[in-house]
Each structure stands twice: as C-alpha cells, then as structure tokens.
PDB file of N, CA and C in Angstrom:
ATOM      1  N   UNK A   1      11.796 -13.279  21.131  1.00  0.00           N
ATOM      2  CA  UNK A   1      12.476 -12.068  21.511  1.00  0.00           C
ATOM      3  C   UNK A   1      12.112 -10.955  20.537  1.00  0.00           C
ATOM      4  N   UNK A   2      11.643  -9.854  21.050  1.00  0.00           N
ATOM      5  CA  UNK A   2      11.273  -8.711  20.217  1.00  0.00           C
ATOM      6  C   UNK A   2      12.513  -7.916  19.833  1.00  0.00           C
ATOM      7  N   UNK A   3      12.527  -7.504  18.586  1.00  0.00           N
ATOM      8  CA  UNK A   3      13.619  -6.689  18.062  1.00  0.00           C
ATOM      9  C   UNK A   3      13.216  -5.226  18.228  1.00  0.00           C
ATOM     10  N   UNK A   4      14.117  -4.379  18.741  1.00  0.00           N
ATOM     11  CA  UNK A   4      13.788  -2.953  18.868  1.00  0.00           C
ATOM     12  C   UNK A   4      13.435  -2.360  17.507  1.00  0.00           C
ATOM     13  N   UNK A   5      12.517  -1.403  17.499  1.00  0.00           N
ATOM     14  CA  UNK A   5      12.061  -0.790  16.247  1.00  0.00           C
ATOM     15  C   UNK A   5      13.204  -0.207  15.415  1.00  0.00           C
ATOM     16  N   UNK A   6      14.191   0.367  16.064  1.00  0.00           N
ATOM     17  CA  UNK A   6      15.281   0.996  15.302  1.00  0.00           C
ATOM     18  C   UNK A   6      16.160  -0.023  14.567  1.00  0.00           C
ATOM     19  N   UNK A   7      16.046  -1.310  14.904  1.00  0.00           N
ATOM     20  CA  UNK A   7      16.821  -2.347  14.232  1.00  0.00           C
ATOM     21  C   UNK A   7      16.040  -3.022  13.112  1.00  0.00           C
ATOM     22  N   UNK A   8      14.758  -2.761  13.034  1.00  0.00           N
ATOM     23  CA  UNK A   8      13.927  -3.409  12.024  1.00  0.00           C
ATOM     24  C   UNK A   8      14.099  -2.724  10.676  1.00  0.00           C
ATOM     25  N   UNK A   9      13.971  -3.533   9.619  1.00  0.00           N
ATOM     26  CA  UNK A   9      13.976  -2.948   8.285  1.00  0.00           C
ATOM     27  C   UNK A   9      12.635  -2.263   8.065  1.00  0.00           C
ATOM     28  N   UNK A  10      12.575  -1.450   7.050  1.00  0.00           N
ATOM     29  CA  UNK A  10      11.332  -0.760   6.726  1.00  0.00           C
ATOM     30  C   UNK A  10      10.226  -1.773   6.416  1.00  0.00           C
ATOM     31  N   UNK A  11      10.580  -2.853   5.714  1.00  0.00           N
ATOM     32  CA  UNK A  11       9.599  -3.890   5.375  1.00  0.00           C
ATOM     33  C   UNK A  11       9.112  -4.621   6.619  1.00  0.00           C
ATOM     34  N   UNK A  12      10.024  -4.949   7.526  1.00  0.00           N
ATOM     35  CA  UNK A  12       9.618  -5.617   8.775  1.00  0.00           C
ATOM     36  C   UNK A  12       8.671  -4.734   9.577  1.00  0.00           C
ATOM     37  N   UNK A  13       8.996  -3.462   9.651  1.00  0.00           N
ATOM     38  CA  UNK A  13       8.151  -2.522  10.393  1.00  0.00           C
ATOM     39  C   UNK A  13       6.785  -2.376   9.719  1.00  0.00           C
ATOM     40  N   UNK A  14       6.768  -2.319   8.396  1.00  0.00           N
ATOM     41  CA  UNK A  14       5.523  -2.188   7.657  1.00  0.00           C
ATOM     42  C   UNK A  14       4.644  -3.429   7.858  1.00  0.00           C
ATOM     43  N   UNK A  15       5.226  -4.604   7.809  1.00  0.00           N
ATOM     44  CA  UNK A  15       4.469  -5.841   8.053  1.00  0.00           C
ATOM     45  C   UNK A  15       3.874  -5.817   9.450  1.00  0.00           C
ATOM     46  N   UNK A  16       4.682  -5.431  10.420  1.00  0.00           N
ATOM     47  CA  UNK A  16       4.208  -5.365  11.808  1.00  0.00           C
ATOM     48  C   UNK A  16       3.023  -4.399  11.938  1.00  0.00           C
ATOM     49  N   UNK A  17       3.136  -3.240  11.306  1.00  0.00           N
ATOM     50  CA  UNK A  17       2.062  -2.257  11.374  1.00  0.00           C
ATOM     51  C   UNK A  17       0.790  -2.754  10.686  1.00  0.00           C
ATOM     52  N   UNK A  18       0.958  -3.397   9.538  1.00  0.00           N
ATOM     53  CA  UNK A  18      -0.205  -3.924   8.812  1.00  0.00           C
ATOM     54  C   UNK A  18      -0.917  -5.004   9.614  1.00  0.00           C
ATOM     55  N   UNK A  19      -0.146  -5.866  10.257  1.00  0.00           N
ATOM     56  CA  UNK A  19      -0.748  -6.939  11.059  1.00  0.00           C
ATOM     57  C   UNK A  19      -1.414  -6.389  12.314  1.00  0.00           C
ATOM     58  N   UNK A  20      -0.841  -5.322  12.868  1.00  0.00           N
ATOM     59  CA  UNK A  20      -1.384  -4.730  14.083  1.00  0.00           C
ATOM     60  C   UNK A  20      -2.689  -3.974  13.796  1.00  0.00           C
ATOM     61  N   UNK A  21      -2.715  -3.265  12.670  1.00  0.00           N
ATOM     62  CA  UNK A  21      -3.901  -2.488  12.290  1.00  0.00           C
ATOM     63  C   UNK A  21      -4.983  -3.452  11.819  1.00  0.00           C
ATOM     64  N   UNK A  22      -6.177  -3.212  12.234  1.00  0.00           N
ATOM     65  CA  UNK A  22      -7.294  -4.052  11.810  1.00  0.00           C
ATOM     66  C   UNK A  22      -8.280  -3.205  11.014  1.00  0.00           C
ATOM     67  N   UNK A  23      -7.730  -2.366  10.141  1.00  0.00           N
ATOM     68  CA  UNK A  23      -8.567  -1.477   9.353  1.00  0.00           C
ATOM     69  C   UNK A  23      -7.876  -1.191   8.026  1.00  0.00           C
ATOM     70  N   UNK A  24      -8.574  -0.528   7.149  1.00  0.00           N
ATOM     71  CA  UNK A  24      -8.031  -0.153   5.855  1.00  0.00           C
ATOM     72  C   UNK A  24      -7.263   1.159   6.003  1.00  0.00           C
ATOM     73  N   UNK A  25      -6.068   1.201   5.427  1.00  0.00           N
ATOM     74  CA  UNK A  25      -5.214   2.385   5.557  1.00  0.00           C
ATOM     75  C   UNK A  25      -4.684   2.782   4.179  1.00  0.00           C
ATOM     76  N   UNK A  26      -4.656   4.087   3.920  1.00  0.00           N
ATOM     77  CA  UNK A  26      -4.130   4.524   2.626  1.00  0.00           C
ATOM     78  C   UNK A  26      -2.605   4.493   2.646  1.00  0.00           C
ATOM     79  N   UNK A  27      -2.035   4.210   1.500  1.00  0.00           N
ATOM     80  CA  UNK A  27      -0.578   4.067   1.393  1.00  0.00           C
ATOM     81  C   UNK A  27       0.159   5.376   1.638  1.00  0.00           C
ATOM     82  N   UNK A  28      -0.501   6.500   1.415  1.00  0.00           N
ATOM     83  CA  UNK A  28       0.152   7.793   1.645  1.00  0.00           C
ATOM     84  C   UNK A  28       0.506   7.951   3.129  1.00  0.00           C
ATOM     85  N   UNK A  29      -0.360   7.417   4.005  1.00  0.00           N
ATOM     86  CA  UNK A  29      -0.094   7.467   5.445  1.00  0.00           C
ATOM     87  C   UNK A  29       1.201   6.729   5.760  1.00  0.00           C
ATOM     88  N   UNK A  30       1.347   5.514   5.203  1.00  0.00           N
ATOM     89  CA  UNK A  30       2.565   4.746   5.446  1.00  0.00           C
ATOM     90  C   UNK A  30       3.783   5.416   4.821  1.00  0.00           C
ATOM     91  N   UNK A  31       3.616   5.991   3.660  1.00  0.00           N
ATOM     92  CA  UNK A  31       4.747   6.653   3.003  1.00  0.00           C
ATOM     93  C   UNK A  31       5.271   7.794   3.862  1.00  0.00           C
ATOM     94  N   UNK A  32       4.362   8.563   4.441  1.00  0.00           N
ATOM     95  CA  UNK A  32       4.751   9.681   5.299  1.00  0.00           C
ATOM     96  C   UNK A  32       5.317   9.180   6.623  1.00  0.00           C
ATOM     97  N   UNK A  33       4.600   8.255   7.239  1.00  0.00           N
ATOM     98  CA  UNK A  33       4.985   7.750   8.558  1.00  0.00           C
ATOM     99  C   UNK A  33       6.347   7.057   8.538  1.00  0.00           C
ATOM    100  N   UNK A  34       6.609   6.271   7.504  1.00  0.00           N
ATOM    101  CA  UNK A  34       7.865   5.519   7.427  1.00  0.00           C
ATOM    102  C   UNK A  34       8.933   6.244   6.622  1.00  0.00           C
ATOM    103  N   UNK A  35       8.638   7.466   6.214  1.00  0.00           N
ATOM    104  CA  UNK A  35       9.593   8.334   5.515  1.00  0.00           C
ATOM    105  C   UNK A  35      10.191   7.691   4.265  1.00  0.00           C
ATOM    106  N   UNK A  36       9.314   7.168   3.426  1.00  0.00           N
ATOM    107  CA  UNK A  36       9.778   6.615   2.152  1.00  0.00           C
ATOM    108  C   UNK A  36      10.236   7.749   1.257  1.00  0.00           C
ATOM    109  N   UNK A  37      11.383   7.607   0.597  1.00  0.00           N
ATOM    110  CA  UNK A  37      11.867   8.661  -0.287  1.00  0.00           C
ATOM    111  C   UNK A  37      11.057   8.780  -1.583  1.00  0.00           C
ATOM    112  N   UNK A  38      10.421   7.669  -2.009  1.00  0.00           N
ATOM    113  CA  UNK A  38       9.618   7.725  -3.237  1.00  0.00           C
ATOM    114  C   UNK A  38       8.497   6.695  -3.170  1.00  0.00           C
ATOM    115  N   UNK A  39       7.451   6.940  -3.950  1.00  0.00           N
ATOM    116  CA  UNK A  39       6.343   5.993  -3.964  1.00  0.00           C
ATOM    117  C   UNK A  39       6.737   4.696  -4.664  1.00  0.00           C
ATOM    118  N   UNK A  40       7.748   4.742  -5.512  1.00  0.00           N
ATOM    119  CA  UNK A  40       8.212   3.532  -6.189  1.00  0.00           C
ATOM    120  C   UNK A  40       8.830   2.542  -5.188  1.00  0.00           C
ATOM    121  N   UNK A  41       9.542   3.063  -4.209  1.00  0.00           N
ATOM    122  CA  UNK A  41      10.116   2.194  -3.169  1.00  0.00           C
ATOM    123  C   UNK A  41       9.006   1.571  -2.321  1.00  0.00           C
ATOM    124  N   UNK A  42       7.975   2.342  -2.040  1.00  0.00           N
ATOM    125  CA  UNK A  42       6.837   1.828  -1.282  1.00  0.00           C
ATOM    126  C   UNK A  42       6.148   0.719  -2.068  1.00  0.00           C
ATOM    127  N   UNK A  43       5.964   0.894  -3.355  1.00  0.00           N
ATOM    128  CA  UNK A  43       5.341  -0.129  -4.197  1.00  0.00           C
ATOM    129  C   UNK A  43       6.171  -1.408  -4.181  1.00  0.00           C
ATOM    130  N   UNK A  44       7.488  -1.275  -4.292  1.00  0.00           N
ATOM    131  CA  UNK A  44       8.363  -2.454  -4.268  1.00  0.00           C
ATOM    132  C   UNK A  44       8.244  -3.187  -2.934  1.00  0.00           C
ATOM    133  N   UNK A  45       8.184  -2.428  -1.839  1.00  0.00           N
ATOM    134  CA  UNK A  45       8.032  -3.052  -0.522  1.00  0.00           C
ATOM    135  C   UNK A  45       6.685  -3.758  -0.394  1.00  0.00           C
ATOM    136  N   UNK A  46       5.610  -3.157  -0.918  1.00  0.00           N
ATOM    137  CA  UNK A  46       4.293  -3.784  -0.863  1.00  0.00           C
ATOM    138  C   UNK A  46       4.300  -5.089  -1.653  1.00  0.00           C
ATOM    139  N   UNK A  47       4.932  -5.093  -2.817  1.00  0.00           N
ATOM    140  CA  UNK A  47       5.035  -6.324  -3.626  1.00  0.00           C
ATOM    141  C   UNK A  47       5.762  -7.422  -2.848  1.00  0.00           C
ATOM    142  N   UNK A  48       6.843  -7.067  -2.196  1.00  0.00           N
ATOM    143  CA  UNK A  48       7.614  -8.039  -1.421  1.00  0.00           C
ATOM    144  C   UNK A  48       6.824  -8.535  -0.212  1.00  0.00           C
ATOM    145  N   UNK A  49       6.182  -7.612   0.478  1.00  0.00           N
ATOM    146  CA  UNK A  49       5.412  -7.947   1.681  1.00  0.00           C
ATOM    147  C   UNK A  49       4.246  -8.856   1.336  1.00  0.00           C
ATOM    148  N   UNK A  50       3.672  -8.642   0.170  1.00  0.00           N
ATOM    149  CA  UNK A  50       2.554  -9.465  -0.285  1.00  0.00           C
ATOM    150  C   UNK A  50       2.957 -10.944  -0.306  1.00  0.00           C
ATOM    151  N   UNK A  51       4.146 -11.223  -0.829  1.00  0.00           N
ATOM    152  CA  UNK A  51       4.656 -12.599  -0.880  1.00  0.00           C
ATOM    153  C   UNK A  51       4.933 -13.143   0.522  1.00  0.00           C
ATOM    154  N   UNK A  52       5.513 -12.319   1.372  1.00  0.00           N
ATOM    155  CA  UNK A  52       5.826 -12.734   2.741  1.00  0.00           C
ATOM    156  C   UNK A  52       4.554 -13.091   3.493  1.00  0.00           C
ATOM    157  N   UNK A  53       3.534 -12.261   3.359  1.00  0.00           N
ATOM    158  CA  UNK A  53       2.280 -12.494   4.070  1.00  0.00           C
ATOM    159  C   UNK A  53       1.532 -13.710   3.524  1.00  0.00           C
ATOM    160  N   UNK A  54       1.659 -13.970   2.222  1.00  0.00           N
ATOM    161  CA  UNK A  54       1.016 -15.153   1.647  1.00  0.00           C
ATOM    162  C   UNK A  54       1.560 -16.424   2.287  1.00  0.00           C
ATOM    163  N   UNK A  55       2.845 -16.439   2.586  1.00  0.00           N
ATOM    164  CA  UNK A  55       3.445 -17.617   3.219  1.00  0.00           C
ATOM    165  C   UNK A  55       2.944 -17.792   4.651  1.00  0.00           C
ATOM    166  N   UNK A  56       2.385 -16.723   5.237  1.00  0.00           N
ATOM    167  CA  UNK A  56       1.833 -16.791   6.595  1.00  0.00           C
ATOM    168  C   UNK A  56       0.318 -16.975   6.575  1.00  0.00           C
ATOM    169  N   UNK A  57      -0.246 -17.232   5.382  1.00  0.00           N
ATOM    170  CA  UNK A  57      -1.679 -17.449   5.269  1.00  0.00           C
ATOM    171  C   UNK A  57      -2.500 -16.182   5.291  1.00  0.00           C
ATOM    172  N   UNK A  58      -1.890 -15.066   4.959  1.00  0.00           N
ATOM    173  CA  UNK A  58      -2.595 -13.783   4.946  1.00  0.00           C
ATOM    174  C   UNK A  58      -2.535 -13.200   3.535  1.00  0.00           C
ATOM    175  N   UNK A  59      -3.397 -12.243   3.294  1.00  0.00           N
ATOM    176  CA  UNK A  59      -3.502 -11.656   1.966  1.00  0.00           C
ATOM    177  C   UNK A  59      -3.669 -10.140   2.102  1.00  0.00           C
ATOM    178  N   UNK A  60      -3.032  -9.392   1.215  1.00  0.00           N
ATOM    179  CA  UNK A  60      -3.212  -7.943   1.192  1.00  0.00           C
ATOM    180  C   UNK A  60      -4.326  -7.633   0.198  1.00  0.00           C
ATOM    181  N   UNK A  61      -5.364  -6.979   0.680  1.00  0.00           N
ATOM    182  CA  UNK A  61      -6.428  -6.513  -0.202  1.00  0.00           C
ATOM    183  C   UNK A  61      -6.109  -5.070  -0.547  1.00  0.00           C
ATOM    184  N   UNK A  62      -6.112  -4.756  -1.831  1.00  0.00           N
ATOM    185  CA  UNK A  62      -5.808  -3.399  -2.274  1.00  0.00           C
ATOM    186  C   UNK A  62      -7.086  -2.766  -2.823  1.00  0.00           C
ATOM    187  N   UNK A  63      -7.494  -1.676  -2.198  1.00  0.00           N
ATOM    188  CA  UNK A  63      -8.651  -0.916  -2.668  1.00  0.00           C
ATOM    189  C   UNK A  63      -8.111   0.119  -3.648  1.00  0.00           C
ATOM    190  N   UNK A  64      -8.592   0.101  -4.881  1.00  0.00           N
ATOM    191  CA  UNK A  64      -8.002   0.959  -5.917  1.00  0.00           C
ATOM    192  C   UNK A  64      -8.232   2.445  -5.686  1.00  0.00           C
ATOM    193  N   UNK A  65      -7.342   3.260  -6.241  1.00  0.00           N
ATOM    194  CA  UNK A  65      -7.505   4.709  -6.151  1.00  0.00           C
ATOM    195  C   UNK A  65      -8.629   5.178  -7.082  1.00  0.00           C
ATOM    196  N   UNK A  66      -9.087   6.400  -6.846  1.00  0.00           N
ATOM    197  CA  UNK A  66     -10.126   6.979  -7.701  1.00  0.00           C
ATOM    198  C   UNK A  66      -9.852   8.469  -7.883  1.00  0.00           C
ATOM    199  N   UNK A  67     -10.428   9.015  -8.926  1.00  0.00           N
ATOM    200  CA  UNK A  67     -10.302  10.450  -9.211  1.00  0.00           C
ATOM    201  C   UNK A  67     -11.293  11.192  -8.335  1.00  0.00           C
ATOM    202  N   UNK A  68     -10.817  12.157  -7.590  1.00  0.00           N
ATOM    203  CA  UNK A  68     -11.692  12.928  -6.711  1.00  0.00           C
ATOM    204  C   UNK A  68     -12.521  13.956  -7.482  1.00  0.00           C
ATOM    205  N   UNK A  69     -12.181  14.201  -8.737  1.00  0.00           N
ATOM    206  CA  UNK A  69     -12.933  15.161  -9.538  1.00  0.00           C
ATOM    207  C   UNK A  69     -14.119  14.500 -10.247  1.00  0.00           C
ATOM    208  N   UNK A  70     -13.885  13.383 -10.926  1.00  0.00           N
ATOM    209  CA  UNK A  70     -14.956  12.774 -11.716  1.00  0.00           C
ATOM    210  C   UNK A  70     -15.415  11.411 -11.187  1.00  0.00           C
ATOM    211  N   UNK A  71     -14.686  10.848 -10.222  1.00  0.00           N
ATOM    212  CA  UNK A  71     -15.088   9.567  -9.637  1.00  0.00           C
ATOM    213  C   UNK A  71     -14.566   8.344 -10.372  1.00  0.00           C
ATOM    214  N   UNK A  72     -13.741   8.528 -11.393  1.00  0.00           N
ATOM    215  CA  UNK A  72     -13.181   7.395 -12.132  1.00  0.00           C
ATOM    216  C   UNK A  72     -12.407   6.486 -11.186  1.00  0.00           C
ATOM    217  N   UNK A  73     -12.696   5.177 -11.226  1.00  0.00           N
ATOM    218  CA  UNK A  73     -12.009   4.199 -10.374  1.00  0.00           C
ATOM    219  C   UNK A  73     -10.972   3.478 -11.221  1.00  0.00           C
ATOM    220  N   UNK A  74      -9.740   3.508 -10.764  1.00  0.00           N
ATOM    221  CA  UNK A  74      -8.645   2.854 -11.480  1.00  0.00           C
ATOM    222  C   UNK A  74      -8.690   1.355 -11.259  1.00  0.00           C
ATOM    223  N   UNK A  75      -8.317   0.607 -12.278  1.00  0.00           N
ATOM    224  CA  UNK A  75      -8.231  -0.846 -12.149  1.00  0.00           C
ATOM    225  C   UNK A  75      -6.847  -1.187 -11.629  1.00  0.00           C
ATOM    226  N   UNK A  76      -6.799  -2.117 -10.690  1.00  0.00           N
ATOM    227  CA  UNK A  76      -5.518  -2.530 -10.129  1.00  0.00           C
ATOM    228  C   UNK A  76      -5.132  -3.866 -10.739  1.00  0.00           C
ATOM    229  N   UNK A  77      -4.046  -3.881 -11.455  1.00  0.00           N
ATOM    230  CA  UNK A  77      -3.548  -5.123 -12.051  1.00  0.00           C
ATOM    231  C   UNK A  77      -2.612  -5.784 -11.064  1.00  0.00           C
ATOM    232  N   UNK A  78      -2.712  -7.097 -10.974  1.00  0.00           N
ATOM    233  CA  UNK A  78      -1.914  -7.832  -9.991  1.00  0.00           C
ATOM    234  C   UNK A  78      -0.418  -7.656 -10.212  1.00  0.00           C
ATOM    235  N   UNK A  79       0.030  -7.729 -11.443  1.00  0.00           N
ATOM    236  CA  UNK A  79       1.463  -7.684 -11.702  1.00  0.00           C
ATOM    237  C   UNK A  79       2.002  -6.273 -11.891  1.00  0.00           C
ATOM    238  N   UNK A  80       1.120  -5.313 -12.168  1.00  0.00           N
ATOM    239  CA  UNK A  80       1.576  -3.954 -12.446  1.00  0.00           C
ATOM    240  C   UNK A  80       0.956  -2.960 -11.477  1.00  0.00           C
ATOM    241  N   UNK A  81       1.139  -3.185 -10.206  1.00  0.00           N
ATOM    242  CA  UNK A  81       0.599  -2.305  -9.177  1.00  0.00           C
ATOM    243  C   UNK A  81       1.276  -0.941  -9.277  1.00  0.00           C
ATOM    244  N   UNK A  82       0.482   0.110  -9.503  1.00  0.00           N
ATOM    245  CA  UNK A  82       1.010   1.465  -9.638  1.00  0.00           C
ATOM    246  C   UNK A  82       0.141   2.436  -8.854  1.00  0.00           C
ATOM    247  N   UNK A  83       0.700   3.566  -8.548  1.00  0.00           N
ATOM    248  CA  UNK A  83      -0.046   4.661  -7.936  1.00  0.00           C
ATOM    249  C   UNK A  83      -0.175   5.731  -9.020  1.00  0.00           C
ATOM    250  N   UNK A  84      -1.385   5.918  -9.564  1.00  0.00           N
ATOM    251  CA  UNK A  84      -1.556   6.866 -10.675  1.00  0.00           C
ATOM    252  C   UNK A  84      -1.378   8.305 -10.242  1.00  0.00           C
ATOM    253  N   UNK A  85      -1.039   9.139 -11.213  1.00  0.00           N
ATOM    254  CA  UNK A  85      -0.853  10.560 -10.901  1.00  0.00           C
ATOM    255  C   UNK A  85      -1.848  11.452 -11.640  1.00  0.00           C
ATOM    256  N   UNK A  86      -2.529  10.897 -12.647  1.00  0.00           N
ATOM    257  CA  UNK A  86      -3.444  11.703 -13.442  1.00  0.00           C
ATOM    258  C   UNK A  86      -4.617  10.836 -13.909  1.00  0.00           C
ATOM    259  N   UNK A  87      -5.804  11.405 -13.934  1.00  0.00           N
ATOM    260  CA  UNK A  87      -6.998  10.682 -14.367  1.00  0.00           C
ATOM    261  C   UNK A  87      -7.029  10.592 -15.896  1.00  0.00           C
ATOM    262  N   UNK A  88      -7.227   9.377 -16.432  1.00  0.00           N
ATOM    263  CA  UNK A  88      -7.292   9.255 -17.893  1.00  0.00           C
ATOM    264  C   UNK A  88      -8.594   9.812 -18.482  1.00  0.00           C
ATOM    265  N   UNK A  89      -9.599   9.981 -17.634  1.00  0.00           N
ATOM    266  CA  UNK A  89     -10.899  10.454 -18.110  1.00  0.00           C
ATOM    267  C   UNK A  89     -10.978  11.982 -18.150  1.00  0.00           C
ATOM    268  N   UNK A  90     -10.667  12.644 -17.029  1.00  0.00           N
ATOM    269  CA  UNK A  90     -10.807  14.108 -16.968  1.00  0.00           C
ATOM    270  C   UNK A  90      -9.464  14.840 -16.859  1.00  0.00           C
ATOM    271  N   UNK A  91      -8.378  14.084 -16.749  1.00  0.00           N
ATOM    272  CA  UNK A  91      -7.003  14.620 -16.694  1.00  0.00           C
ATOM    273  C   UNK A  91      -6.685  15.416 -15.434  1.00  0.00           C
ATOM    274  N   UNK A  92      -7.527  15.297 -14.417  1.00  0.00           N
ATOM    275  CA  UNK A  92      -7.254  15.929 -13.124  1.00  0.00           C
ATOM    276  C   UNK A  92      -6.126  15.175 -12.423  1.00  0.00           C
ATOM    277  N   UNK A  93      -5.465  15.830 -11.495  1.00  0.00           N
ATOM    278  CA  UNK A  93      -4.384  15.209 -10.737  1.00  0.00           C
ATOM    279  C   UNK A  93      -4.772  14.961  -9.285  1.00  0.00           C
ATOM    280  N   UNK A  94      -6.028  15.189  -8.941  1.00  0.00           N
ATOM    281  CA  UNK A  94      -6.501  14.937  -7.576  1.00  0.00           C
ATOM    282  C   UNK A  94      -6.946  13.473  -7.485  1.00  0.00           C
ATOM    283  N   UNK A  95      -5.994  12.610  -7.255  1.00  0.00           N
ATOM    284  CA  UNK A  95      -6.230  11.174  -7.220  1.00  0.00           C
ATOM    285  C   UNK A  95      -6.031  10.674  -5.793  1.00  0.00           C
ATOM    286  N   UNK A  96      -6.974   9.873  -5.313  1.00  0.00           N
ATOM    287  CA  UNK A  96      -6.793   9.266  -3.991  1.00  0.00           C
ATOM    288  C   UNK A  96      -5.713   8.196  -4.102  1.00  0.00           C
ATOM    289  N   UNK A  97      -5.072   7.894  -3.011  1.00  0.00           N
ATOM    290  CA  UNK A  97      -4.068   6.835  -3.008  1.00  0.00           C
ATOM    291  C   UNK A  97      -4.749   5.492  -2.781  1.00  0.00           C
ATOM    292  N   UNK A  98      -4.135   4.396  -3.261  1.00  0.00           N
ATOM    293  CA  UNK A  98      -4.708   3.079  -2.974  1.00  0.00           C
ATOM    294  C   UNK A  98      -4.713   2.836  -1.462  1.00  0.00           C
ATOM    295  N   UNK A  99      -5.616   1.995  -1.029  1.00  0.00           N
ATOM    296  CA  UNK A  99      -5.689   1.643   0.389  1.00  0.00           C
ATOM    297  C   UNK A  99      -5.451   0.147   0.515  1.00  0.00           C
ATOM    298  N   UNK A 100      -4.869  -0.267   1.639  1.00  0.00           N
ATOM    299  CA  UNK A 100      -4.586  -1.688   1.840  1.00  0.00           C
ATOM    300  C   UNK A 100      -5.150  -2.170   3.160  1.00  0.00           C
ATOM    301  N   UNK A 101      -5.417  -3.466   3.181  1.00  0.00           N
ATOM    302  CA  UNK A 101      -5.948  -4.112   4.353  1.00  0.00           C
ATOM    303  C   UNK A 101      -5.478  -5.568   4.342  1.00  0.00           C
ATOM    304  N   UNK A 102      -5.177  -6.108   5.511  1.00  0.00           N
ATOM    305  CA  UNK A 102      -4.744  -7.496   5.619  1.00  0.00           C
ATOM    306  C   UNK A 102      -5.957  -8.375   5.887  1.00  0.00           C
ATOM    307  N   UNK A 103      -6.034  -9.485   5.166  1.00  0.00           N
ATOM    308  CA  UNK A 103      -7.099 -10.460   5.375  1.00  0.00           C
ATOM    309  C   UNK A 103      -6.479 -11.845   5.529  1.00  0.00           C
ATOM    310  N   UNK A 104      -7.159 -12.705   6.269  1.00  0.00           N
ATOM    311  CA  UNK A 104      -6.736 -14.093   6.350  1.00  0.00           C
ATOM    312  C   UNK A 104      -7.181 -14.818   5.101  1.00  0.00           C
ATOM    313  N   UNK A 105      -6.306 -15.657   4.538  1.00  0.00           N
ATOM    314  CA  UNK A 105      -6.648 -16.400   3.310  1.00  0.00           C
ATOM    315  C   UNK A 105      -7.616 -17.519   3.595  1.00  0.00           C
TER     316      UNK A 105
END
C-alpha cells in the first residue's frame, strides 16, 4: 500500500526520490525541493538515509564539492560529512555542493 506524499517524513520522501532518480543530483536541489530549513538538517538526514539504504543493499556515493574559482576538490570524510562554505586554498565562497548517487552494493 502506497502512503500519500503528504504523510511521508522528509527522510522517507528523500529515500524515495533517490531510489527513483537514476542519476547524480546535487544536494542543493534536494534542499530547495524539500524545503530544508538548514543544510545541517539535510546532512543529518543523509547520514541516516545512508544507514537505511545499506540495510537494503544500496550505497550512497558522494561526489565531493569543489571550488569554482581555483578548482580545489574537497576531501569527503566518512564520519564528518560537511558542506564547505569557503575554499581553504583561495578563500573564495563559490563552492559547488556535494552530489549524491545511489549504487547497488
């Protein structure tokens, strides 16, 4: 039985969208589309969803953000997933958002 969208939690809806999409999507799109109040809440949901999807034999691949000014690529740590706001190399604030994609384990 399908649950109407208005009854789903934000995490349930996000999982559904990730499974439905068969492409890489930037997190800013989801933040806007799902009306997240802050990027910290989105990060917490991604961390939780990662565990949920692992139990279903799927994996979230995270493509790291980069500086649009100098090309610096940020390293993504497994336990400290963050969305940077400033480049450590050139100090610009034009940073791309991380992108995510679902893969089968």
